[in-house]
Amino acid sequence: MSYSITKRISYILILIGVLLIIFGLWKYMPKSFSSQTSDSVIMSIIAKRITFPILGLILTVIGYAFLKFVREIEEEIQLLRNELSRLTKVVEAQGKDTK
């Protein structure tokens, strides 16, 4: 079973998360505002400074968790295949011995 789509989604989530973190931190760069700048614009900038890095961190963590989950599942499937192959050989060997 292939999990390439899930891996791709995980990588995309991580990339978007990192970009949001960078964009949010970029909003912290000093900028000059005139005294005529409305409070809603300033509050919007403050909200972006807080929201984007937090959202980016959340998406990065979710993407990493999905990626780790898929890797664990792939490892477990491989172990199960090896065990099934070994047990099949044991059963076939016992079947030949009884004939």
PDB file of N, CA and C in Angstrom:
ATOM      1  N   MET A   1       0.850  -1.178   0.000  1.00  0.00           N
ATOM      2  CA  MET A   1       0.000   0.000   0.000  1.00  0.00           C
ATOM      3  C   MET A   1       0.894   1.238   0.000  1.00  0.00           C
ATOM      4  N   SER A   2       0.573   2.168  -0.849  1.00  0.00           N
ATOM      5  CA  SER A   2       1.406   3.361  -0.983  1.00  0.00           C
ATOM      6  C   SER A   2       0.774   4.546  -0.270  1.00  0.00           C
ATOM      7  N   TYR A   3       1.590   5.257   0.444  1.00  0.00           N
ATOM      8  CA  TYR A   3       1.133   6.430   1.184  1.00  0.00           C
ATOM      9  C   TYR A   3       1.744   7.698   0.598  1.00  0.00           C
ATOM     10  N   SER A   4       2.011   7.690  -0.698  1.00  0.00           N
ATOM     11  CA  SER A   4       2.690   8.839  -1.304  1.00  0.00           C
ATOM     12  C   SER A   4       1.831  10.099  -1.255  1.00  0.00           C
ATOM     13  N   ILE A   5       0.522   9.961  -1.399  1.00  0.00           N
ATOM     14  CA  ILE A   5      -0.348  11.140  -1.340  1.00  0.00           C
ATOM     15  C   ILE A   5      -0.328  11.734   0.065  1.00  0.00           C
ATOM     16  N   THR A   6      -0.388  10.884   1.071  1.00  0.00           N
ATOM     17  CA  THR A   6      -0.354  11.365   2.451  1.00  0.00           C
ATOM     18  C   THR A   6       0.991  12.016   2.759  1.00  0.00           C
ATOM     19  N   LYS A   7       2.064  11.440   2.238  1.00  0.00           N
ATOM     20  CA  LYS A   7       3.383  12.046   2.436  1.00  0.00           C
ATOM     21  C   LYS A   7       3.449  13.413   1.768  1.00  0.00           C
ATOM     22  N   ARG A   8       2.904  13.497   0.555  1.00  0.00           N
ATOM     23  CA  ARG A   8       2.903  14.773  -0.146  1.00  0.00           C
ATOM     24  C   ARG A   8       2.121  15.824   0.629  1.00  0.00           C
ATOM     25  N   ILE A   9       0.966  15.436   1.138  1.00  0.00           N
ATOM     26  CA  ILE A   9       0.154  16.360   1.934  1.00  0.00           C
ATOM     27  C   ILE A   9       0.923  16.798   3.176  1.00  0.00           C
ATOM     28  N   SER A  10       1.618  15.863   3.805  1.00  0.00           N
ATOM     29  CA  SER A  10       2.409  16.198   4.993  1.00  0.00           C
ATOM     30  C   SER A  10       3.506  17.201   4.660  1.00  0.00           C
ATOM     31  N   TYR A  11       4.213  16.965   3.556  1.00  0.00           N
ATOM     32  CA  TYR A  11       5.269  17.899   3.153  1.00  0.00           C
ATOM     33  C   TYR A  11       4.693  19.275   2.816  1.00  0.00           C
ATOM     34  N   ILE A  12       3.525  19.292   2.180  1.00  0.00           N
ATOM     35  CA  ILE A  12       2.884  20.571   1.849  1.00  0.00           C
ATOM     36  C   ILE A  12       2.482  21.305   3.122  1.00  0.00           C
ATOM     37  N   LEU A  13       1.926  20.573   4.099  1.00  0.00           N
ATOM     38  CA  LEU A  13       1.559  21.202   5.367  1.00  0.00           C
ATOM     39  C   LEU A  13       2.778  21.792   6.067  1.00  0.00           C
ATOM     40  N   ILE A  14       3.874  21.052   6.062  1.00  0.00           N
ATOM     41  CA  ILE A  14       5.099  21.550   6.693  1.00  0.00           C
ATOM     42  C   ILE A  14       5.597  22.800   5.964  1.00  0.00           C
ATOM     43  N   LEU A  15       5.584  22.767   4.639  1.00  0.00           N
ATOM     44  CA  LEU A  15       6.045  23.920   3.858  1.00  0.00           C
ATOM     45  C   LEU A  15       5.162  25.145   4.103  1.00  0.00           C
ATOM     46  N   ILE A  16       3.852  24.956   4.078  1.00  0.00           N
ATOM     47  CA  ILE A  16       2.942  26.077   4.334  1.00  0.00           C
ATOM     48  C   ILE A  16       3.148  26.610   5.748  1.00  0.00           C
ATOM     49  N   GLY A  17       3.336  25.713   6.703  1.00  0.00           N
ATOM     50  CA  GLY A  17       3.574  26.136   8.075  1.00  0.00           C
ATOM     51  C   GLY A  17       4.826  26.978   8.210  1.00  0.00           C
ATOM     52  N   VAL A  18       5.892  26.550   7.571  1.00  0.00           N
ATOM     53  CA  VAL A  18       7.146  27.310   7.637  1.00  0.00           C
ATOM     54  C   VAL A  18       6.981  28.672   6.960  1.00  0.00           C
ATOM     55  N   LEU A  19       6.292  28.691   5.821  1.00  0.00           N
ATOM     56  CA  LEU A  19       6.066  29.970   5.140  1.00  0.00           C
ATOM     57  C   LEU A  19       5.221  30.916   5.989  1.00  0.00           C
ATOM     58  N   LEU A  20       4.211  30.389   6.671  1.00  0.00           N
ATOM     59  CA  LEU A  20       3.398  31.233   7.548  1.00  0.00           C
ATOM     60  C   LEU A  20       4.211  31.765   8.725  1.00  0.00           C
ATOM     61  N   ILE A  21       5.086  30.932   9.257  1.00  0.00           N
ATOM     62  CA  ILE A  21       5.951  31.392  10.351  1.00  0.00           C
ATOM     63  C   ILE A  21       6.852  32.526   9.862  1.00  0.00           C
ATOM     64  N   ILE A  22       7.448  32.335   8.698  1.00  0.00           N
ATOM     65  CA  ILE A  22       8.324  33.375   8.148  1.00  0.00           C
ATOM     66  C   ILE A  22       7.537  34.655   7.873  1.00  0.00           C
ATOM     67  N   PHE A  23       6.350  34.510   7.283  1.00  0.00           N
ATOM     68  CA  PHE A  23       5.533  35.689   6.989  1.00  0.00           C
ATOM     69  C   PHE A  23       5.121  36.398   8.274  1.00  0.00           C
ATOM     70  N   GLY A  24       4.748  35.625   9.291  1.00  0.00           N
ATOM     71  CA  GLY A  24       4.369  36.232  10.561  1.00  0.00           C
ATOM     72  C   GLY A  24       5.524  36.941  11.234  1.00  0.00           C
ATOM     73  N   LEU A  25       6.704  36.343  11.176  1.00  0.00           N
ATOM     74  CA  LEU A  25       7.877  36.994  11.760  1.00  0.00           C
ATOM     75  C   LEU A  25       8.303  38.214  10.946  1.00  0.00           C
ATOM     76  N   TRP A  26       8.046  38.178   9.641  1.00  0.00           N
ATOM     77  CA  TRP A  26       8.353  39.329   8.800  1.00  0.00           C
ATOM     78  C   TRP A  26       7.504  40.531   9.200  1.00  0.00           C
ATOM     79  N   LYS A  27       6.319  40.273   9.705  1.00  0.00           N
ATOM     80  CA  LYS A  27       5.441  41.359  10.153  1.00  0.00           C
ATOM     81  C   LYS A  27       6.019  42.088  11.370  1.00  0.00           C
ATOM     82  N   TYR A  28       6.971  41.469  12.057  1.00  0.00           N
ATOM     83  CA  TYR A  28       7.608  42.120  13.203  1.00  0.00           C
ATOM     84  C   TYR A  28       8.678  43.129  12.787  1.00  0.00           C
ATOM     85  N   MET A  29       9.016  43.151  11.509  1.00  0.00           N
ATOM     86  CA  MET A  29      10.014  44.115  11.037  1.00  0.00           C
ATOM     87  C   MET A  29       9.497  45.525  11.306  1.00  0.00           C
ATOM     88  N   PRO A  30      10.375  46.404  11.751  1.00  0.00           N
ATOM     89  CA  PRO A  30       9.923  47.765  12.059  1.00  0.00           C
ATOM     90  C   PRO A  30       9.382  48.478  10.818  1.00  0.00           C
ATOM     91  N   LYS A  31       8.240  49.074  11.006  1.00  0.00           N
ATOM     92  CA  LYS A  31       7.621  49.854   9.942  1.00  0.00           C
ATOM     93  C   LYS A  31       7.177  51.170  10.546  1.00  0.00           C
ATOM     94  N   SER A  32       7.130  52.183   9.734  1.00  0.00           N
ATOM     95  CA  SER A  32       6.683  53.479  10.247  1.00  0.00           C
ATOM     96  C   SER A  32       5.220  53.698   9.866  1.00  0.00           C
ATOM     97  N   PHE A  33       4.475  54.187  10.804  1.00  0.00           N
ATOM     98  CA  PHE A  33       3.074  54.500  10.584  1.00  0.00           C
ATOM     99  C   PHE A  33       2.863  55.971  10.904  1.00  0.00           C
ATOM    100  N   SER A  34       2.012  56.578  10.138  1.00  0.00           N
ATOM    101  CA  SER A  34       1.702  57.977  10.435  1.00  0.00           C
ATOM    102  C   SER A  34       0.668  58.034  11.553  1.00  0.00           C
ATOM    103  N   SER A  35       0.507  59.186  12.100  1.00  0.00           N
ATOM    104  CA  SER A  35      -0.483  59.334  13.171  1.00  0.00           C
ATOM    105  C   SER A  35      -1.904  59.226  12.630  1.00  0.00           C
ATOM    106  N   GLN A  36      -2.042  59.270  11.317  1.00  0.00           N
ATOM    107  CA  GLN A  36      -3.357  59.171  10.694  1.00  0.00           C
ATOM    108  C   GLN A  36      -3.785  57.720  10.471  1.00  0.00           C
ATOM    109  N   THR A  37      -2.897  56.772  10.720  1.00  0.00           N
ATOM    110  CA  THR A  37      -3.227  55.362  10.535  1.00  0.00           C
ATOM    111  C   THR A  37      -4.295  54.973  11.543  1.00  0.00           C
ATOM    112  N   SER A  38      -5.338  54.347  11.021  1.00  0.00           N
ATOM    113  CA  SER A  38      -6.452  54.006  11.909  1.00  0.00           C
ATOM    114  C   SER A  38      -6.082  52.850  12.834  1.00  0.00           C
ATOM    115  N   ASP A  39      -6.816  52.768  13.920  1.00  0.00           N
ATOM    116  CA  ASP A  39      -6.562  51.710  14.902  1.00  0.00           C
ATOM    117  C   ASP A  39      -6.848  50.332  14.328  1.00  0.00           C
ATOM    118  N   SER A  40      -7.808  50.236  13.422  1.00  0.00           N
ATOM    119  CA  SER A  40      -8.135  48.927  12.855  1.00  0.00           C
ATOM    120  C   SER A  40      -6.975  48.379  12.031  1.00  0.00           C
ATOM    121  N   VAL A  41      -6.252  49.242  11.347  1.00  0.00           N
ATOM    122  CA  VAL A  41      -5.088  48.797  10.574  1.00  0.00           C
ATOM    123  C   VAL A  41      -3.996  48.310  11.516  1.00  0.00           C
ATOM    124  N   ILE A  42      -3.757  49.042  12.572  1.00  0.00           N
ATOM    125  CA  ILE A  42      -2.732  48.648  13.542  1.00  0.00           C
ATOM    126  C   ILE A  42      -3.126  47.348  14.231  1.00  0.00           C
ATOM    127  N   MET A  43      -4.398  47.204  14.586  1.00  0.00           N
ATOM    128  CA  MET A  43      -4.861  45.962  15.221  1.00  0.00           C
ATOM    129  C   MET A  43      -4.761  44.789  14.248  1.00  0.00           C
ATOM    130  N   SER A  44      -5.012  45.034  12.973  1.00  0.00           N
ATOM    131  CA  SER A  44      -4.877  43.987  11.961  1.00  0.00           C
ATOM    132  C   SER A  44      -3.431  43.525  11.856  1.00  0.00           C
ATOM    133  N   ILE A  45      -2.505  44.455  11.892  1.00  0.00           N
ATOM    134  CA  ILE A  45      -1.084  44.103  11.826  1.00  0.00           C
ATOM    135  C   ILE A  45      -0.680  43.309  13.063  1.00  0.00           C
ATOM    136  N   ILE A  46      -1.158  43.725  14.223  1.00  0.00           N
ATOM    137  CA  ILE A  46      -0.849  42.994  15.459  1.00  0.00           C
ATOM    138  C   ILE A  46      -1.435  41.588  15.404  1.00  0.00           C
ATOM    139  N   ALA A  47      -2.663  41.468  14.883  1.00  0.00           N
ATOM    140  CA  ALA A  47      -3.289  40.144  14.769  1.00  0.00           C
ATOM    141  C   ALA A  47      -2.493  39.247  13.829  1.00  0.00           C
ATOM    142  N   LYS A  48      -2.004  39.807  12.730  1.00  0.00           N
ATOM    143  CA  LYS A  48      -1.193  39.018  11.799  1.00  0.00           C
ATOM    144  C   LYS A  48       0.120  38.593  12.440  1.00  0.00           C
ATOM    145  N   ARG A  49       0.691  39.451  13.263  1.00  0.00           N
ATOM    146  CA  ARG A  49       1.941  39.114  13.951  1.00  0.00           C
ATOM    147  C   ARG A  49       1.759  37.923  14.875  1.00  0.00           C
ATOM    148  N   ILE A  50       0.596  37.800  15.439  1.00  0.00           N
ATOM    149  CA  ILE A  50       0.340  36.710  16.382  1.00  0.00           C
ATOM    150  C   ILE A  50      -0.205  35.479  15.671  1.00  0.00           C
ATOM    151  N   THR A  51      -1.174  35.686  14.785  1.00  0.00           N
ATOM    152  CA  THR A  51      -1.897  34.578  14.169  1.00  0.00           C
ATOM    153  C   THR A  51      -1.036  33.758  13.221  1.00  0.00           C
ATOM    154  N   PHE A  52      -0.315  34.407  12.324  1.00  0.00           N
ATOM    155  CA  PHE A  52       0.432  33.670  11.312  1.00  0.00           C
ATOM    156  C   PHE A  52       1.511  32.760  11.900  1.00  0.00           C
ATOM    157  N   PRO A  53       2.336  33.218  12.836  1.00  0.00           N
ATOM    158  CA  PRO A  53       3.322  32.283  13.396  1.00  0.00           C
ATOM    159  C   PRO A  53       2.686  31.116  14.158  1.00  0.00           C
ATOM    160  N   ILE A  54       1.604  31.391  14.882  1.00  0.00           N
ATOM    161  CA  ILE A  54       0.948  30.308  15.628  1.00  0.00           C
ATOM    162  C   ILE A  54       0.328  29.305  14.666  1.00  0.00           C
ATOM    163  N   LEU A  55      -0.372  29.797  13.647  1.00  0.00           N
ATOM    164  CA  LEU A  55      -0.969  28.910  12.657  1.00  0.00           C
ATOM    165  C   LEU A  55       0.107  28.125  11.911  1.00  0.00           C
ATOM    166  N   GLY A  56       1.208  28.782  11.581  1.00  0.00           N
ATOM    167  CA  GLY A  56       2.312  28.099  10.918  1.00  0.00           C
ATOM    168  C   GLY A  56       2.909  27.006  11.781  1.00  0.00           C
ATOM    169  N   LEU A  57       3.056  27.281  13.061  1.00  0.00           N
ATOM    170  CA  LEU A  57       3.582  26.273  13.981  1.00  0.00           C
ATOM    171  C   LEU A  57       2.635  25.082  14.082  1.00  0.00           C
ATOM    172  N   ILE A  58       1.345  25.350  14.163  1.00  0.00           N
ATOM    173  CA  ILE A  58       0.357  24.270  14.248  1.00  0.00           C
ATOM    174  C   ILE A  58       0.393  23.413  12.984  1.00  0.00           C
ATOM    175  N   LEU A  59       0.415  24.038  11.813  1.00  0.00           N
ATOM    176  CA  LEU A  59       0.458  23.276  10.560  1.00  0.00           C
ATOM    177  C   LEU A  59       1.745  22.474  10.431  1.00  0.00           C
ATOM    178  N   THR A  60       2.856  23.035  10.869  1.00  0.00           N
ATOM    179  CA  THR A  60       4.122  22.310  10.819  1.00  0.00           C
ATOM    180  C   THR A  60       4.084  21.085  11.724  1.00  0.00           C
ATOM    181  N   VAL A  61       3.537  21.236  12.910  1.00  0.00           N
ATOM    182  CA  VAL A  61       3.442  20.106  13.843  1.00  0.00           C
ATOM    183  C   VAL A  61       2.506  19.033  13.289  1.00  0.00           C
ATOM    184  N   ILE A  62       1.375  19.437  12.725  1.00  0.00           N
ATOM    185  CA  ILE A  62       0.440  18.466  12.147  1.00  0.00           C
ATOM    186  C   ILE A  62       1.090  17.730  10.979  1.00  0.00           C
ATOM    187  N   GLY A  63       1.774  18.453  10.106  1.00  0.00           N
ATOM    188  CA  GLY A  63       2.457  17.821   8.978  1.00  0.00           C
ATOM    189  C   GLY A  63       3.524  16.843   9.432  1.00  0.00           C
ATOM    190  N   TYR A  64       4.295  17.226  10.436  1.00  0.00           N
ATOM    191  CA  TYR A  64       5.331  16.335  10.969  1.00  0.00           C
ATOM    192  C   TYR A  64       4.702  15.094  11.605  1.00  0.00           C
ATOM    193  N   ALA A  65       3.595  15.287  12.331  1.00  0.00           N
ATOM    194  CA  ALA A  65       2.926  14.148  12.968  1.00  0.00           C
ATOM    195  C   ALA A  65       2.379  13.179  11.921  1.00  0.00           C
ATOM    196  N   PHE A  66       1.768  13.706  10.859  1.00  0.00           N
ATOM    197  CA  PHE A  66       1.281  12.842   9.782  1.00  0.00           C
ATOM    198  C   PHE A  66       2.426  12.072   9.149  1.00  0.00           C
ATOM    199  N   LEU A  67       3.525  12.759   8.896  1.00  0.00           N
ATOM    200  CA  LEU A  67       4.670  12.122   8.264  1.00  0.00           C
ATOM    201  C   LEU A  67       5.235  11.010   9.143  1.00  0.00           C
ATOM    202  N   LYS A  68       5.345  11.275  10.424  1.00  0.00           N
ATOM    203  CA  LYS A  68       5.845  10.258  11.349  1.00  0.00           C
ATOM    204  C   LYS A  68       4.873   9.084  11.435  1.00  0.00           C
ATOM    205  N   PHE A  69       3.578   9.381  11.446  1.00  0.00           N
ATOM    206  CA  PHE A  69       2.554   8.341  11.499  1.00  0.00           C
ATOM    207  C   PHE A  69       2.637   7.433  10.274  1.00  0.00           C
ATOM    208  N   VAL A  70       2.800   8.015   9.098  1.00  0.00           N
ATOM    209  CA  VAL A  70       2.901   7.225   7.865  1.00  0.00           C
ATOM    210  C   VAL A  70       4.152   6.359   7.890  1.00  0.00           C
ATOM    211  N   ARG A  71       5.256   6.901   8.359  1.00  0.00           N
ATOM    212  CA  ARG A  71       6.492   6.108   8.437  1.00  0.00           C
ATOM    213  C   ARG A  71       6.333   4.928   9.392  1.00  0.00           C
ATOM    214  N   GLU A  72       5.684   5.162  10.520  1.00  0.00           N
ATOM    215  CA  GLU A  72       5.453   4.076  11.476  1.00  0.00           C
ATOM    216  C   GLU A  72       4.575   2.986  10.858  1.00  0.00           C
ATOM    217  N   ILE A  73       3.543   3.389  10.145  1.00  0.00           N
ATOM    218  CA  ILE A  73       2.656   2.413   9.505  1.00  0.00           C
ATOM    219  C   ILE A  73       3.413   1.618   8.452  1.00  0.00           C
ATOM    220  N   GLU A  74       4.228   2.286   7.637  1.00  0.00           N
ATOM    221  CA  GLU A  74       5.004   1.579   6.617  1.00  0.00           C
ATOM    222  C   GLU A  74       5.975   0.582   7.241  1.00  0.00           C
ATOM    223  N   GLU A  75       6.624   0.961   8.325  1.00  0.00           N
ATOM    224  CA  GLU A  75       7.531   0.034   9.007  1.00  0.00           C
ATOM    225  C   GLU A  75       6.772  -1.166   9.559  1.00  0.00           C
ATOM    226  N   GLU A  76       5.606  -0.915  10.142  1.00  0.00           N
ATOM    227  CA  GLU A  76       4.808  -2.004  10.707  1.00  0.00           C
ATOM    228  C   GLU A  76       4.315  -2.943   9.607  1.00  0.00           C
ATOM    229  N   ILE A  77       3.912  -2.395   8.479  1.00  0.00           N
ATOM    230  CA  ILE A  77       3.472  -3.230   7.357  1.00  0.00           C
ATOM    231  C   ILE A  77       4.622  -4.089   6.856  1.00  0.00           C
ATOM    232  N   GLN A  78       5.812  -3.519   6.769  1.00  0.00           N
ATOM    233  CA  GLN A  78       6.971  -4.292   6.318  1.00  0.00           C
ATOM    234  C   GLN A  78       7.291  -5.426   7.295  1.00  0.00           C
ATOM    235  N   LEU A  79       7.211  -5.147   8.588  1.00  0.00           N
ATOM    236  CA  LEU A  79       7.441  -6.204   9.583  1.00  0.00           C
ATOM    237  C   LEU A  79       6.392  -7.308   9.473  1.00  0.00           C
ATOM    238  N   LEU A  80       5.143  -6.920   9.252  1.00  0.00           N
ATOM    239  CA  LEU A  80       4.083  -7.922   9.099  1.00  0.00           C
ATOM    240  C   LEU A  80       4.288  -8.763   7.846  1.00  0.00           C
ATOM    241  N   ARG A  81       4.724  -8.149   6.759  1.00  0.00           N
ATOM    242  CA  ARG A  81       4.996  -8.907   5.535  1.00  0.00           C
ATOM    243  C   ARG A  81       6.123  -9.909   5.757  1.00  0.00           C
ATOM    244  N   ASN A  82       7.178  -9.473   6.427  1.00  0.00           N
ATOM    245  CA  ASN A  82       8.292 -10.385   6.706  1.00  0.00           C
ATOM    246  C   ASN A  82       7.843 -11.547   7.582  1.00  0.00           C
ATOM    247  N   GLU A  83       7.040 -11.248   8.595  1.00  0.00           N
ATOM    248  CA  GLU A  83       6.551 -12.303   9.488  1.00  0.00           C
ATOM    249  C   GLU A  83       5.632 -13.265   8.740  1.00  0.00           C
ATOM    250  N   LEU A  84       4.773 -12.734   7.889  1.00  0.00           N
ATOM    251  CA  LEU A  84       3.872 -13.583   7.109  1.00  0.00           C
ATOM    252  C   LEU A  84       4.658 -14.470   6.157  1.00  0.00           C
ATOM    253  N   SER A  85       5.685 -13.924   5.533  1.00  0.00           N
ATOM    254  CA  SER A  85       6.530 -14.710   4.634  1.00  0.00           C
ATOM    255  C   SER A  85       7.237 -15.827   5.392  1.00  0.00           C
ATOM    256  N   ARG A  86       7.746 -15.499   6.571  1.00  0.00           N
ATOM    257  CA  ARG A  86       8.431 -16.509   7.382  1.00  0.00           C
ATOM    258  C   ARG A  86       7.465 -17.613   7.798  1.00  0.00           C
ATOM    259  N   LEU A  87       6.275 -17.241   8.233  1.00  0.00           N
ATOM    260  CA  LEU A  87       5.292 -18.240   8.656  1.00  0.00           C
ATOM    261  C   LEU A  87       4.813 -19.091   7.482  1.00  0.00           C
ATOM    262  N   THR A  88       4.700 -18.498   6.303  1.00  0.00           N
ATOM    263  CA  THR A  88       4.306 -19.261   5.117  1.00  0.00           C
ATOM    264  C   THR A  88       5.355 -20.312   4.794  1.00  0.00           C
ATOM    265  N   LYS A  89       6.619 -19.946   4.896  1.00  0.00           N
ATOM    266  CA  LYS A  89       7.694 -20.910   4.641  1.00  0.00           C
ATOM    267  C   LYS A  89       7.675 -22.037   5.667  1.00  0.00           C
ATOM    268  N   VAL A  90       7.391 -21.703   6.930  1.00  0.00           N
ATOM    269  CA  VAL A  90       7.332 -22.728   7.978  1.00  0.00           C
ATOM    270  C   VAL A  90       6.190 -23.690   7.702  1.00  0.00           C
ATOM    271  N   VAL A  91       5.032 -23.176   7.325  1.00  0.00           N
ATOM    272  CA  VAL A  91       3.870 -24.030   7.049  1.00  0.00           C
ATOM    273  C   VAL A  91       4.131 -24.904   5.830  1.00  0.00           C
ATOM    274  N   GLU A  92       4.733 -24.352   4.786  1.00  0.00           N
ATOM    275  CA  GLU A  92       5.049 -25.147   3.595  1.00  0.00           C
ATOM    276  C   GLU A  92       6.061 -26.239   3.920  1.00  0.00           C
ATOM    277  N   ALA A  93       7.036 -25.923   4.757  1.00  0.00           N
ATOM    278  CA  ALA A  93       8.038 -26.928   5.138  1.00  0.00           C
ATOM    279  C   ALA A  93       7.395 -28.043   5.952  1.00  0.00           C
ATOM    280  N   GLN A  94       6.460 -27.705   6.833  1.00  0.00           N
ATOM    281  CA  GLN A  94       5.776 -28.728   7.620  1.00  0.00           C
ATOM    282  C   GLN A  94       4.861 -29.565   6.740  1.00  0.00           C
ATOM    283  N   GLY A  95       4.262 -28.964   5.716  1.00  0.00           N
ATOM    284  CA  GLY A  95       3.402 -29.700   4.791  1.00  0.00           C
ATOM    285  C   GLY A  95       4.195 -30.704   3.982  1.00  0.00           C
ATOM    286  N   LYS A  96       5.414 -30.376   3.606  1.00  0.00           N
ATOM    287  CA  LYS A  96       6.264 -31.287   2.847  1.00  0.00           C
ATOM    288  C   LYS A  96       6.750 -32.432   3.727  1.00  0.00           C
ATOM    289  N   ASP A  97       6.973 -32.157   5.008  1.00  0.00           N
ATOM    290  CA  ASP A  97       7.450 -33.186   5.928  1.00  0.00           C
ATOM    291  C   ASP A  97       6.380 -34.238   6.193  1.00  0.00           C
ATOM    292  N   THR A  98       5.121 -33.878   6.181  1.00  0.00           N
ATOM    293  CA  THR A  98       4.051 -34.824   6.489  1.00  0.00           C
ATOM    294  C   THR A  98       3.695 -35.688   5.296  1.00  0.00           C
ATOM    295  N   LYS A  99       4.089 -35.327   4.092  1.00  0.00           N
ATOM    296  CA  LYS A  99       3.748 -36.116   2.899  1.00  0.00           C
ATOM    297  C   LYS A  99       4.648 -37.251   2.726  1.00  0.00           C
TER     298      LYS A  99
END
